[in-house]
PDB file of N, CA and C in Angstrom:
ATOM      1  N   MET A   1     -17.053 -14.046   8.502  1.00  0.00           N
ATOM      2  CA  MET A   1     -18.016 -14.198   9.590  1.00  0.00           C
ATOM      3  C   MET A   1     -19.417 -14.180   8.998  1.00  0.00           C
ATOM      4  N   ASN A   2     -20.166 -15.203   9.236  1.00  0.00           N
ATOM      5  CA  ASN A   2     -21.549 -15.292   8.770  1.00  0.00           C
ATOM      6  C   ASN A   2     -22.475 -14.874   9.904  1.00  0.00           C
ATOM      7  N   SER A   3     -23.171 -13.781   9.691  1.00  0.00           N
ATOM      8  CA  SER A   3     -24.127 -13.318  10.684  1.00  0.00           C
ATOM      9  C   SER A   3     -25.522 -13.690  10.224  1.00  0.00           C
ATOM     10  N   THR A   4     -26.361 -13.908  11.205  1.00  0.00           N
ATOM     11  CA  THR A   4     -27.746 -14.211  10.860  1.00  0.00           C
ATOM     12  C   THR A   4     -28.481 -12.914  10.569  1.00  0.00           C
ATOM     13  N   TYR A   5     -29.612 -13.082   9.940  1.00  0.00           N
ATOM     14  CA  TYR A   5     -30.435 -11.927   9.585  1.00  0.00           C
ATOM     15  C   TYR A   5     -30.802 -11.112  10.821  1.00  0.00           C
ATOM     16  N   SER A   6     -31.206 -11.749  11.904  1.00  0.00           N
ATOM     17  CA  SER A   6     -31.601 -11.027  13.122  1.00  0.00           C
ATOM     18  C   SER A   6     -30.403 -10.315  13.760  1.00  0.00           C
ATOM     19  N   GLU A   7     -29.210 -10.920  13.682  1.00  0.00           N
ATOM     20  CA  GLU A   7     -28.007 -10.262  14.223  1.00  0.00           C
ATOM     21  C   GLU A   7     -27.684  -9.000  13.413  1.00  0.00           C
ATOM     22  N   LEU A   8     -27.821  -9.106  12.106  1.00  0.00           N
ATOM     23  CA  LEU A   8     -27.556  -7.938  11.250  1.00  0.00           C
ATOM     24  C   LEU A   8     -28.565  -6.817  11.508  1.00  0.00           C
ATOM     25  N   LEU A   9     -29.819  -7.183  11.708  1.00  0.00           N
ATOM     26  CA  LEU A   9     -30.834  -6.173  12.027  1.00  0.00           C
ATOM     27  C   LEU A   9     -30.513  -5.486  13.355  1.00  0.00           C
ATOM     28  N   LYS A  10     -30.060  -6.255  14.337  1.00  0.00           N
ATOM     29  CA  LYS A  10     -29.698  -5.686  15.636  1.00  0.00           C
ATOM     30  C   LYS A  10     -28.510  -4.730  15.476  1.00  0.00           C
ATOM     31  N   GLN A  11     -27.505  -5.137  14.678  1.00  0.00           N
ATOM     32  CA  GLN A  11     -26.346  -4.272  14.427  1.00  0.00           C
ATOM     33  C   GLN A  11     -26.781  -2.985  13.729  1.00  0.00           C
ATOM     34  N   ARG A  12     -27.702  -3.136  12.764  1.00  0.00           N
ATOM     35  CA  ARG A  12     -28.177  -1.947  12.057  1.00  0.00           C
ATOM     36  C   ARG A  12     -28.905  -1.008  13.011  1.00  0.00           C
ATOM     37  N   SER A  13     -29.697  -1.543  13.896  1.00  0.00           N
ATOM     38  CA  SER A  13     -30.419  -0.734  14.864  1.00  0.00           C
ATOM     39  C   SER A  13     -29.444   0.023  15.770  1.00  0.00           C
ATOM     40  N   GLU A  14     -28.414  -0.666  16.246  1.00  0.00           N
ATOM     41  CA  GLU A  14     -27.398  -0.025  17.095  1.00  0.00           C
ATOM     42  C   GLU A  14     -26.635   1.050  16.329  1.00  0.00           C
ATOM     43  N   LEU A  15     -26.316   0.741  15.074  1.00  0.00           N
ATOM     44  CA  LEU A  15     -25.604   1.706  14.241  1.00  0.00           C
ATOM     45  C   LEU A  15     -26.476   2.933  13.949  1.00  0.00           C
ATOM     46  N   ASP A  16     -27.769   2.699  13.683  1.00  0.00           N
ATOM     47  CA  ASP A  16     -28.688   3.826  13.463  1.00  0.00           C
ATOM     48  C   ASP A  16     -28.744   4.728  14.688  1.00  0.00           C
ATOM     49  N   GLN A  17     -28.728   4.138  15.877  1.00  0.00           N
ATOM     50  CA  GLN A  17     -28.759   4.917  17.110  1.00  0.00           C
ATOM     51  C   GLN A  17     -27.481   5.740  17.250  1.00  0.00           C
ATOM     52  N   LYS A  18     -26.324   5.132  16.967  1.00  0.00           N
ATOM     53  CA  LYS A  18     -25.052   5.851  17.036  1.00  0.00           C
ATOM     54  C   LYS A  18     -25.011   6.983  16.012  1.00  0.00           C
ATOM     55  N   ILE A  19     -25.533   6.716  14.826  1.00  0.00           N
ATOM     56  CA  ILE A  19     -25.575   7.749  13.777  1.00  0.00           C
ATOM     57  C   ILE A  19     -26.416   8.934  14.246  1.00  0.00           C
ATOM     58  N   GLU A  20     -27.561   8.670  14.825  1.00  0.00           N
ATOM     59  CA  GLU A  20     -28.446   9.749  15.285  1.00  0.00           C
ATOM     60  C   GLU A  20     -27.798  10.544  16.416  1.00  0.00           C
ATOM     61  N   GLU A  21     -27.109   9.859  17.334  1.00  0.00           N
ATOM     62  CA  GLU A  21     -26.419  10.562  18.424  1.00  0.00           C
ATOM     63  C   GLU A  21     -25.322  11.474  17.867  1.00  0.00           C
ATOM     64  N   ALA A  22     -24.535  10.979  16.916  1.00  0.00           N
ATOM     65  CA  ALA A  22     -23.468  11.785  16.306  1.00  0.00           C
ATOM     66  C   ALA A  22     -24.071  12.965  15.552  1.00  0.00           C
ATOM     67  N   ARG A  23     -25.188  12.725  14.856  1.00  0.00           N
ATOM     68  CA  ARG A  23     -25.851  13.794  14.111  1.00  0.00           C
ATOM     69  C   ARG A  23     -26.306  14.901  15.057  1.00  0.00           C
ATOM     70  N   MET A  24     -26.899  14.532  16.181  1.00  0.00           N
ATOM     71  CA  MET A  24     -27.392  15.519  17.138  1.00  0.00           C
ATOM     72  C   MET A  24     -26.237  16.341  17.729  1.00  0.00           C
ATOM     73  N   GLN A  25     -25.114  15.691  18.034  1.00  0.00           N
ATOM     74  CA  GLN A  25     -23.959  16.411  18.565  1.00  0.00           C
ATOM     75  C   GLN A  25     -23.427  17.407  17.536  1.00  0.00           C
ATOM     76  N   GLU A  26     -23.293  16.964  16.283  1.00  0.00           N
ATOM     77  CA  GLU A  26     -22.788  17.845  15.235  1.00  0.00           C
ATOM     78  C   GLU A  26     -23.791  18.950  14.919  1.00  0.00           C
ATOM     79  N   LEU A  27     -25.073  18.637  15.000  1.00  0.00           N
ATOM     80  CA  LEU A  27     -26.107  19.639  14.770  1.00  0.00           C
ATOM     81  C   LEU A  27     -26.029  20.738  15.820  1.00  0.00           C
ATOM     82  N   ASP A  28     -25.847  20.344  17.084  1.00  0.00           N
ATOM     83  CA  ASP A  28     -25.706  21.337  18.158  1.00  0.00           C
ATOM     84  C   ASP A  28     -24.517  22.253  17.901  1.00  0.00           C
ATOM     85  N   ALA A  29     -23.391  21.673  17.493  1.00  0.00           N
ATOM     86  CA  ALA A  29     -22.196  22.476  17.212  1.00  0.00           C
ATOM     87  C   ALA A  29     -22.428  23.405  16.018  1.00  0.00           C
ATOM     88  N   ALA A  30     -23.104  22.904  15.000  1.00  0.00           N
ATOM     89  CA  ALA A  30     -23.373  23.718  13.809  1.00  0.00           C
ATOM     90  C   ALA A  30     -24.297  24.883  14.155  1.00  0.00           C
ATOM     91  N   LEU A  31     -25.336  24.615  14.936  1.00  0.00           N
ATOM     92  CA  LEU A  31     -26.254  25.690  15.321  1.00  0.00           C
ATOM     93  C   LEU A  31     -25.554  26.743  16.174  1.00  0.00           C
ATOM     94  N   LYS A  32     -24.664  26.316  17.054  1.00  0.00           N
ATOM     95  CA  LYS A  32     -23.907  27.276  17.861  1.00  0.00           C
ATOM     96  C   LYS A  32     -23.038  28.147  16.964  1.00  0.00           C
ATOM     97  N   GLN A  33     -22.391  27.536  15.981  1.00  0.00           N
ATOM     98  CA  GLN A  33     -21.545  28.289  15.059  1.00  0.00           C
ATOM     99  C   GLN A  33     -22.385  29.285  14.251  1.00  0.00           C
ATOM    100  N   ILE A  34     -23.546  28.864  13.797  1.00  0.00           N
ATOM    101  CA  ILE A  34     -24.430  29.762  13.036  1.00  0.00           C
ATOM    102  C   ILE A  34     -24.862  30.939  13.903  1.00  0.00           C
ATOM    103  N   ARG A  35     -25.268  30.660  15.144  1.00  0.00           N
ATOM    104  CA  ARG A  35     -25.699  31.742  16.050  1.00  0.00           C
ATOM    105  C   ARG A  35     -24.551  32.706  16.327  1.00  0.00           C
ATOM    106  N   ASP A  36     -23.346  32.174  16.532  1.00  0.00           N
ATOM    107  CA  ASP A  36     -22.187  33.032  16.777  1.00  0.00           C
ATOM    108  C   ASP A  36     -21.915  33.938  15.580  1.00  0.00           C
ATOM    109  N   LEU A  37     -21.989  33.392  14.367  1.00  0.00           N
ATOM    110  CA  LEU A  37     -21.768  34.197  13.169  1.00  0.00           C
ATOM    111  C   LEU A  37     -22.865  35.246  12.995  1.00  0.00           C
ATOM    112  N   MET A  38     -24.101  34.880  13.315  1.00  0.00           N
ATOM    113  CA  MET A  38     -25.199  35.843  13.220  1.00  0.00           C
ATOM    114  C   MET A  38     -24.971  36.992  14.186  1.00  0.00           C
ATOM    115  N   ASP A  39     -24.550  36.677  15.408  1.00  0.00           N
ATOM    116  CA  ASP A  39     -24.261  37.723  16.394  1.00  0.00           C
ATOM    117  C   ASP A  39     -23.093  38.590  15.947  1.00  0.00           C
ATOM    118  N   GLN A  40     -22.046  37.957  15.443  1.00  0.00           N
ATOM    119  CA  GLN A  40     -20.836  38.674  15.044  1.00  0.00           C
ATOM    120  C   GLN A  40     -21.110  39.665  13.913  1.00  0.00           C
ATOM    121  N   TYR A  41     -21.929  39.268  12.941  1.00  0.00           N
ATOM    122  CA  TYR A  41     -22.160  40.106  11.766  1.00  0.00           C
ATOM    123  C   TYR A  41     -23.517  40.805  11.781  1.00  0.00           C
ATOM    124  N   GLY A  42     -24.282  40.640  12.847  1.00  0.00           N
ATOM    125  CA  GLY A  42     -25.574  41.304  12.941  1.00  0.00           C
ATOM    126  C   GLY A  42     -26.581  40.791  11.925  1.00  0.00           C
ATOM    127  N   ILE A  43     -26.525  39.520  11.614  1.00  0.00           N
ATOM    128  CA  ILE A  43     -27.427  38.919  10.635  1.00  0.00           C
ATOM    129  C   ILE A  43     -28.711  38.503  11.341  1.00  0.00           C
ATOM    130  N   THR A  44     -29.850  38.758  10.699  1.00  0.00           N
ATOM    131  CA  THR A  44     -31.132  38.346  11.257  1.00  0.00           C
ATOM    132  C   THR A  44     -31.636  37.092  10.549  1.00  0.00           C
ATOM    133  N   ALA A  45     -32.556  36.396  11.203  1.00  0.00           N
ATOM    134  CA  ALA A  45     -33.165  35.213  10.583  1.00  0.00           C
ATOM    135  C   ALA A  45     -33.905  35.606   9.317  1.00  0.00           C
ATOM    136  N   GLN A  46     -34.489  36.799   9.287  1.00  0.00           N
ATOM    137  CA  GLN A  46     -35.205  37.292   8.106  1.00  0.00           C
ATOM    138  C   GLN A  46     -34.259  37.416   6.912  1.00  0.00           C
ATOM    139  N   GLU A  47     -33.017  37.772   7.153  1.00  0.00           N
ATOM    140  CA  GLU A  47     -32.049  37.885   6.060  1.00  0.00           C
ATOM    141  C   GLU A  47     -31.677  36.514   5.505  1.00  0.00           C
ATOM    142  N   ILE A  48     -31.650  35.517   6.361  1.00  0.00           N
ATOM    143  CA  ILE A  48     -31.280  34.178   5.926  1.00  0.00           C
ATOM    144  C   ILE A  48     -32.446  33.497   5.223  1.00  0.00           C
ATOM    145  N   LEU A  49     -33.623  33.603   5.800  1.00  0.00           N
ATOM    146  CA  LEU A  49     -34.809  32.961   5.240  1.00  0.00           C
ATOM    147  C   LEU A  49     -35.915  33.993   5.052  1.00  0.00           C
ATOM    148  N   PRO A  50     -35.799  34.848   4.041  1.00  0.00           N
ATOM    149  CA  PRO A  50     -36.827  35.868   3.848  1.00  0.00           C
ATOM    150  C   PRO A  50     -38.163  35.224   3.484  1.00  0.00           C
ATOM    151  N   THR A  51     -39.241  35.818   3.974  1.00  0.00           N
ATOM    152  CA  THR A  51     -40.573  35.308   3.671  1.00  0.00           C
ATOM    153  C   THR A  51     -41.292  36.304   2.783  1.00  0.00           C
ATOM    154  N   GLY A  52     -42.275  35.834   2.074  1.00  0.00           N
ATOM    155  CA  GLY A  52     -43.061  36.711   1.218  1.00  0.00           C
ATOM    156  C   GLY A  52     -42.408  36.895  -0.140  1.00  0.00           C
ATOM    157  N   ALA A  53     -43.030  37.726  -0.956  1.00  0.00           N
ATOM    158  CA  ALA A  53     -42.590  37.927  -2.341  1.00  0.00           C
ATOM    159  C   ALA A  53     -41.512  38.995  -2.466  1.00  0.00           C
ATOM    160  N   ARG A  54     -41.207  39.652  -1.373  1.00  0.00           N
ATOM    161  CA  ARG A  54     -40.189  40.700  -1.433  1.00  0.00           C
ATOM    162  C   ARG A  54     -38.841  40.107  -1.779  1.00  0.00           C
ATOM    163  N   GLY A  55     -37.994  40.949  -2.288  1.00  0.00           N
ATOM    164  CA  GLY A  55     -36.637  40.525  -2.619  1.00  0.00           C
ATOM    165  C   GLY A  55     -35.824  40.347  -1.357  1.00  0.00           C
ATOM    166  N   PRO A  56     -34.540  40.100  -1.512  1.00  0.00           N
ATOM    167  CA  PRO A  56     -33.685  39.923  -0.340  1.00  0.00           C
ATOM    168  C   PRO A  56     -33.622  41.201   0.497  1.00  0.00           C
ATOM    169  N   VAL A  57     -33.449  41.008   1.788  1.00  0.00           N
ATOM    170  CA  VAL A  57     -33.355  42.143   2.698  1.00  0.00           C
ATOM    171  C   VAL A  57     -32.021  42.838   2.473  1.00  0.00           C
ATOM    172  N   ARG A  58     -32.062  44.139   2.288  1.00  0.00           N
ATOM    173  CA  ARG A  58     -30.828  44.905   2.095  1.00  0.00           C
ATOM    174  C   ARG A  58     -30.509  45.653   3.384  1.00  0.00           C
ATOM    175  N   ARG A  59     -29.258  45.575   3.751  1.00  0.00           N
ATOM    176  CA  ARG A  59     -28.826  46.312   4.933  1.00  0.00           C
ATOM    177  C   ARG A  59     -28.531  47.750   4.551  1.00  0.00           C
ATOM    178  N   GLU A  60     -28.730  48.608   5.514  1.00  0.00           N
ATOM    179  CA  GLU A  60     -28.427  50.010   5.299  1.00  0.00           C
ATOM    180  C   GLU A  60     -26.912  50.175   5.257  1.00  0.00           C
ATOM    181  N   ARG A  61     -26.421  50.876   4.258  1.00  0.00           N
ATOM    182  CA  ARG A  61     -24.981  51.088   4.145  1.00  0.00           C
ATOM    183  C   ARG A  61     -24.572  52.332   4.917  1.00  0.00           C
ATOM    184  N   ALA A  62     -23.377  52.279   5.431  1.00  0.00           N
ATOM    185  CA  ALA A  62     -22.849  53.427   6.150  1.00  0.00           C
ATOM    186  C   ALA A  62     -22.593  54.568   5.166  1.00  0.00           C
ATOM    187  N   LYS A  63     -22.895  55.768   5.586  1.00  0.00           N
ATOM    188  CA  LYS A  63     -22.663  56.933   4.740  1.00  0.00           C
ATOM    189  C   LYS A  63     -21.161  57.176   4.626  1.00  0.00           C
ATOM    190  N   VAL A  64     -20.735  57.547   3.432  1.00  0.00           N
ATOM    191  CA  VAL A  64     -19.329  57.825   3.174  1.00  0.00           C
ATOM    192  C   VAL A  64     -19.178  59.328   2.967  1.00  0.00           C
ATOM    193  N   GLU A  65     -18.204  59.891   3.634  1.00  0.00           N
ATOM    194  CA  GLU A  65     -17.952  61.324   3.483  1.00  0.00           C
ATOM    195  C   GLU A  65     -17.545  61.628   2.047  1.00  0.00           C
ATOM    196  N   PRO A  66     -18.007  62.754   1.500  1.00  0.00           N
ATOM    197  CA  PRO A  66     -17.600  63.111   0.140  1.00  0.00           C
ATOM    198  C   PRO A  66     -16.114  63.454   0.090  1.00  0.00           C
ATOM    199  N   LYS A  67     -15.482  63.088  -1.019  1.00  0.00           N
ATOM    200  CA  LYS A  67     -14.061  63.375  -1.199  1.00  0.00           C
ATOM    201  C   LYS A  67     -13.832  64.474  -2.234  1.00  0.00           C
ATOM    202  N   TYR A  68     -14.823  64.699  -3.084  1.00  0.00           N
ATOM    203  CA  TYR A  68     -14.664  65.665  -4.171  1.00  0.00           C
ATOM    204  C   TYR A  68     -15.880  66.589  -4.235  1.00  0.00           C
ATOM    205  N   ARG A  69     -15.646  67.858  -4.616  1.00  0.00           N
ATOM    206  CA  ARG A  69     -16.720  68.844  -4.744  1.00  0.00           C
ATOM    207  C   ARG A  69     -16.558  69.573  -6.071  1.00  0.00           C
ATOM    208  N   ASP A  70     -17.681  69.751  -6.779  1.00  0.00           N
ATOM    209  CA  ASP A  70     -17.694  70.533  -8.011  1.00  0.00           C
ATOM    210  C   ASP A  70     -17.777  72.001  -7.601  1.00  0.00           C
ATOM    211  N   PRO A  71     -16.749  72.816  -7.883  1.00  0.00           N
ATOM    212  CA  PRO A  71     -16.768  74.217  -7.443  1.00  0.00           C
ATOM    213  C   PRO A  71     -17.881  75.025  -8.108  1.00  0.00           C
ATOM    214  N   ALA A  72     -18.330  74.615  -9.272  1.00  0.00           N
ATOM    215  CA  ALA A  72     -19.359  75.372  -9.979  1.00  0.00           C
ATOM    216  C   ALA A  72     -20.741  75.183  -9.347  1.00  0.00           C
ATOM    217  N   THR A  73     -21.054  73.971  -8.940  1.00  0.00           N
ATOM    218  CA  THR A  73     -22.407  73.704  -8.426  1.00  0.00           C
ATOM    219  C   THR A  73     -22.435  73.324  -6.952  1.00  0.00           C
ATOM    220  N   GLY A  74     -21.308  72.931  -6.395  1.00  0.00           N
ATOM    221  CA  GLY A  74     -21.254  72.493  -5.004  1.00  0.00           C
ATOM    222  C   GLY A  74     -21.625  71.022  -4.834  1.00  0.00           C
ATOM    223  N   THR A  75     -21.887  70.344  -5.935  1.00  0.00           N
ATOM    224  CA  THR A  75     -22.214  68.921  -5.886  1.00  0.00           C
ATOM    225  C   THR A  75     -21.005  68.134  -5.398  1.00  0.00           C
ATOM    226  N   THR A  76     -21.255  67.112  -4.578  1.00  0.00           N
ATOM    227  CA  THR A  76     -20.153  66.313  -4.049  1.00  0.00           C
ATOM    228  C   THR A  76     -20.231  64.894  -4.579  1.00  0.00           C
ATOM    229  N   TRP A  77     -19.089  64.207  -4.465  1.00  0.00           N
ATOM    230  CA  TRP A  77     -18.990  62.805  -4.857  1.00  0.00           C
ATOM    231  C   TRP A  77     -18.052  62.125  -3.880  1.00  0.00           C
ATOM    232  N   SER A  78     -18.401  60.902  -3.464  1.00  0.00           N
ATOM    233  CA  SER A  78     -17.621  60.182  -2.459  1.00  0.00           C
ATOM    234  C   SER A  78     -16.383  59.511  -3.033  1.00  0.00           C
ATOM    235  N   GLY A  79     -16.286  59.414  -4.345  1.00  0.00           N
ATOM    236  CA  GLY A  79     -15.173  58.705  -4.948  1.00  0.00           C
ATOM    237  C   GLY A  79     -15.502  57.250  -5.196  1.00  0.00           C
ATOM    238  N   ARG A  80     -16.715  56.844  -4.868  1.00  0.00           N
ATOM    239  CA  ARG A  80     -17.155  55.468  -5.091  1.00  0.00           C
ATOM    240  C   ARG A  80     -18.152  55.435  -6.246  1.00  0.00           C
ATOM    241  N   GLY A  81     -18.125  54.345  -6.957  1.00  0.00           N
ATOM    242  CA  GLY A  81     -19.068  54.184  -8.056  1.00  0.00           C
ATOM    243  C   GLY A  81     -18.617  54.955  -9.290  1.00  0.00           C
ATOM    244  N   LYS A  82     -19.537  55.072 -10.241  1.00  0.00           N
ATOM    245  CA  LYS A  82     -19.242  55.753 -11.497  1.00  0.00           C
ATOM    246  C   LYS A  82     -19.065  57.248 -11.232  1.00  0.00           C
ATOM    247  N   PRO A  83     -17.982  57.840 -11.750  1.00  0.00           N
ATOM    248  CA  PRO A  83     -17.775  59.267 -11.516  1.00  0.00           C
ATOM    249  C   PRO A  83     -18.821  60.114 -12.240  1.00  0.00           C
ATOM    250  N   PRO A  84     -19.274  61.196 -11.625  1.00  0.00           N
ATOM    251  CA  PRO A  84     -20.224  62.080 -12.290  1.00  0.00           C
ATOM    252  C   PRO A  84     -19.553  62.804 -13.457  1.00  0.00           C
ATOM    253  N   ALA A  85     -20.358  63.344 -14.343  1.00  0.00           N
ATOM    254  CA  ALA A  85     -19.851  63.977 -15.572  1.00  0.00           C
ATOM    255  C   ALA A  85     -18.875  65.115 -15.271  1.00  0.00           C
ATOM    256  N   TRP A  86     -19.088  65.868 -14.193  1.00  0.00           N
ATOM    257  CA  TRP A  86     -18.236  67.023 -13.913  1.00  0.00           C
ATOM    258  C   TRP A  86     -16.814  66.648 -13.507  1.00  0.00           C
ATOM    259  N   ILE A  87     -16.555  65.354 -13.203  1.00  0.00           N
ATOM    260  CA  ILE A  87     -15.201  64.950 -12.808  1.00  0.00           C
ATOM    261  C   ILE A  87     -14.662  63.809 -13.674  1.00  0.00           C
ATOM    262  N   ALA A  88     -15.538  63.182 -14.445  1.00  0.00           N
ATOM    263  CA  ALA A  88     -15.139  62.025 -15.254  1.00  0.00           C
ATOM    264  C   ALA A  88     -14.032  62.404 -16.229  1.00  0.00           C
ATOM    265  N   GLY A  89     -12.961  61.636 -16.221  1.00  0.00           N
ATOM    266  CA  GLY A  89     -11.856  61.828 -17.156  1.00  0.00           C
ATOM    267  C   GLY A  89     -10.952  63.008 -16.836  1.00  0.00           C
ATOM    268  N   LYS A  90     -11.158  63.659 -15.712  1.00  0.00           N
ATOM    269  CA  LYS A  90     -10.349  64.827 -15.341  1.00  0.00           C
ATOM    270  C   LYS A  90      -9.436  64.481 -14.171  1.00  0.00           C
ATOM    271  N   ASN A  91      -8.435  65.319 -13.970  1.00  0.00           N
ATOM    272  CA  ASN A  91      -7.574  65.207 -12.800  1.00  0.00           C
ATOM    273  C   ASN A  91      -8.427  65.531 -11.571  1.00  0.00           C
ATOM    274  N   ARG A  92      -8.484  64.638 -10.626  1.00  0.00           N
ATOM    275  CA  ARG A  92      -9.369  64.817  -9.464  1.00  0.00           C
ATOM    276  C   ARG A  92      -8.775  65.710  -8.379  1.00  0.00           C
ATOM    277  N   GLU A  93      -7.501  65.935  -8.437  1.00  0.00           N
ATOM    278  CA  GLU A  93      -6.836  66.711  -7.388  1.00  0.00           C
ATOM    279  C   GLU A  93      -7.458  68.098  -7.164  1.00  0.00           C
ATOM    280  N   PRO A  94      -7.783  68.853  -8.207  1.00  0.00           N
ATOM    281  CA  PRO A  94      -8.380  70.180  -7.964  1.00  0.00           C
ATOM    282  C   PRO A  94      -9.777  70.117  -7.330  1.00  0.00           C
ATOM    283  N   PHE A  95     -10.427  68.955  -7.406  1.00  0.00           N
ATOM    284  CA  PHE A  95     -11.775  68.814  -6.868  1.00  0.00           C
ATOM    285  C   PHE A  95     -11.765  68.244  -5.452  1.00  0.00           C
ATOM    286  N   ALA A  96     -10.630  67.836  -4.954  1.00  0.00           N
ATOM    287  CA  ALA A  96     -10.531  67.180  -3.640  1.00  0.00           C
ATOM    288  C   ALA A  96     -10.955  68.120  -2.535  1.00  0.00           C
ATOM    289  N   ILE A  97     -11.723  67.572  -1.593  1.00  0.00           N
ATOM    290  CA  ILE A  97     -12.133  68.328  -0.405  1.00  0.00           C
ATOM    291  C   ILE A  97     -11.055  68.143   0.622  1.00  0.00           C
ATOM    292  N   ALA A  98     -10.594  69.252   1.220  1.00  0.00           N
ATOM    293  CA  ALA A  98      -9.537  69.183   2.253  1.00  0.00           C
ATOM    294  C   ALA A  98     -10.054  68.419   3.451  1.00  0.00           C
ATOM    295  N   ASN A  99      -9.200  67.572   4.023  1.00  0.00           N
ATOM    296  CA  ASN A  99      -9.570  66.800   5.226  1.00  0.00           C
ATOM    297  C   ASN A  99      -9.797  67.749   6.375  1.00  0.00           C
ATOM    298  N   LYS A 100     -10.797  67.425   7.175  1.00  0.00           N
ATOM    299  CA  LYS A 100     -11.144  68.267   8.338  1.00  0.00           C
ATOM    300  C   LYS A 100     -10.383  67.828   9.577  1.00  0.00           C
ATOM    301  N   ALA A 101      -9.566  66.796   9.463  1.00  0.00           N
ATOM    302  CA  ALA A 101      -8.857  66.239  10.622  1.00  0.00           C
ATOM    303  C   ALA A 101      -7.762  67.072  11.105  1.00  0.00           C
TER     304      ALA A 101
END
Protein backbone atom coordinates (compact mmCIF):
# COMPACT_ATOMS: atom_id res chain seq x y z
CA MET A 1 0.00 0.00 0.00
CA ASN A 2 1.48 3.32 -1.06
CA SER A 3 0.40 6.14 1.20
CA THR A 4 0.95 9.76 0.45
CA TYR A 5 3.01 11.97 2.67
CA SER A 6 -0.06 13.83 3.99
CA GLU A 7 -1.86 10.52 4.75
CA LEU A 8 1.15 9.30 6.72
CA LEU A 9 1.31 12.56 8.67
CA LYS A 10 -2.39 12.22 9.51
CA GLN A 11 -1.83 8.61 10.67
CA ARG A 12 1.11 9.74 12.78
CA SER A 13 -0.99 12.47 14.37
CA GLU A 14 -3.76 9.98 15.22
CA LEU A 15 -1.22 7.50 16.56
CA ASP A 16 0.44 10.22 18.69
CA GLN A 17 -2.97 11.02 20.17
CA LYS A 18 -3.64 7.34 20.97
CA ILE A 19 -0.17 7.03 22.51
CA GLU A 20 -0.79 10.04 24.76
CA GLU A 21 -4.21 8.71 25.85
CA ALA A 22 -2.69 5.30 26.73
CA ARG A 23 0.17 7.03 28.57
CA MET A 24 -2.25 9.09 30.66
CA GLN A 25 -4.31 6.01 31.59
CA GLU A 26 -1.20 4.06 32.61
CA LEU A 27 0.17 7.09 34.45
CA ASP A 28 -3.03 7.34 36.50
CA ALA A 29 -2.79 3.65 37.41
CA ALA A 30 0.90 3.98 38.31
CA LEU A 31 0.27 7.01 40.53
CA LYS A 32 -2.55 5.19 42.31
CA GLN A 33 -0.27 2.22 42.92
CA ILE A 34 2.49 4.50 44.26
CA ARG A 35 0.05 6.28 46.60
CA ASP A 36 -1.31 2.95 47.85
CA LEU A 37 2.21 1.68 48.59
CA MET A 38 3.09 4.94 50.35
CA ASP A 39 -0.01 4.62 52.53
CA GLN A 40 0.63 0.93 53.22
CA TYR A 41 4.25 1.42 54.32
CA GLY A 42 3.99 4.94 55.75
CA ILE A 43 6.40 6.37 53.19
CA THR A 44 6.57 10.15 52.82
CA ALA A 45 7.37 12.16 49.70
CA GLN A 46 10.43 13.49 51.56
CA GLU A 47 11.77 9.93 51.82
CA ILE A 48 11.36 9.36 48.09
CA LEU A 49 12.69 12.72 46.93
CA PRO A 50 14.78 14.21 49.73
CA THR A 51 15.74 17.86 49.28
CA GLY A 52 18.81 19.66 50.48
CA ALA A 53 22.28 18.35 51.28
CA ARG A 54 21.14 16.06 54.06
CA GLY A 55 21.47 12.35 53.64
CA PRO A 56 18.54 10.00 53.19
CA VAL A 57 15.75 10.22 55.72
CA ARG A 58 16.04 7.47 58.31
CA ARG A 59 12.98 6.06 59.96
CA GLU A 60 12.91 5.54 63.66
CA ARG A 61 13.36 1.87 64.49
CA ALA A 62 11.18 0.10 66.96
CA LYS A 63 12.85 -0.59 70.28
CA VAL A 64 13.71 -4.23 70.88
CA GLU A 65 13.45 -5.70 74.35
CA PRO A 66 16.79 -6.88 75.74
CA LYS A 67 17.33 -10.63 75.74
CA TYR A 68 20.57 -10.83 77.71
CA ARG A 69 21.90 -9.13 80.87
CA ASP A 70 25.46 -8.99 82.22
CA PRO A 71 25.07 -9.98 85.91
CA ALA A 72 28.22 -8.08 86.87
CA THR A 73 27.23 -4.67 85.48
CA GLY A 74 23.54 -4.98 84.62
CA THR A 75 24.25 -4.03 81.00
CA THR A 76 21.75 -5.49 78.55
CA TRP A 77 21.92 -6.60 74.93
CA SER A 78 19.03 -7.26 72.55
CA GLY A 79 20.74 -10.10 70.72
CA ARG A 80 21.00 -8.02 67.56
CA GLY A 81 24.18 -6.74 66.02
CA LYS A 82 27.71 -7.41 67.21
CA PRO A 83 27.75 -9.04 70.65
CA PRO A 84 29.33 -6.99 73.44
CA ALA A 85 32.62 -8.18 74.95
CA TRP A 86 30.95 -9.56 78.10
CA ILE A 87 28.99 -12.16 76.06
CA ALA A 88 31.06 -12.59 72.89
CA GLY A 89 32.15 -16.19 72.37
CA LYS A 90 30.35 -17.43 75.50
CA ASN A 91 27.30 -19.60 76.07
CA ARG A 92 24.43 -17.10 76.11
CA GLU A 93 22.04 -19.22 78.13
CA PRO A 94 23.29 -18.04 81.57
CA PHE A 95 22.85 -14.41 80.44
CA ALA A 96 19.28 -14.82 79.13
CA ILE A 97 16.62 -12.62 80.68
CA ALA A 98 13.55 -14.61 81.74
CA ASN A 99 10.43 -13.79 79.70
CA LYS A 100 7.92 -11.66 81.55
CA ALA A 101 4.99 -13.27 79.71
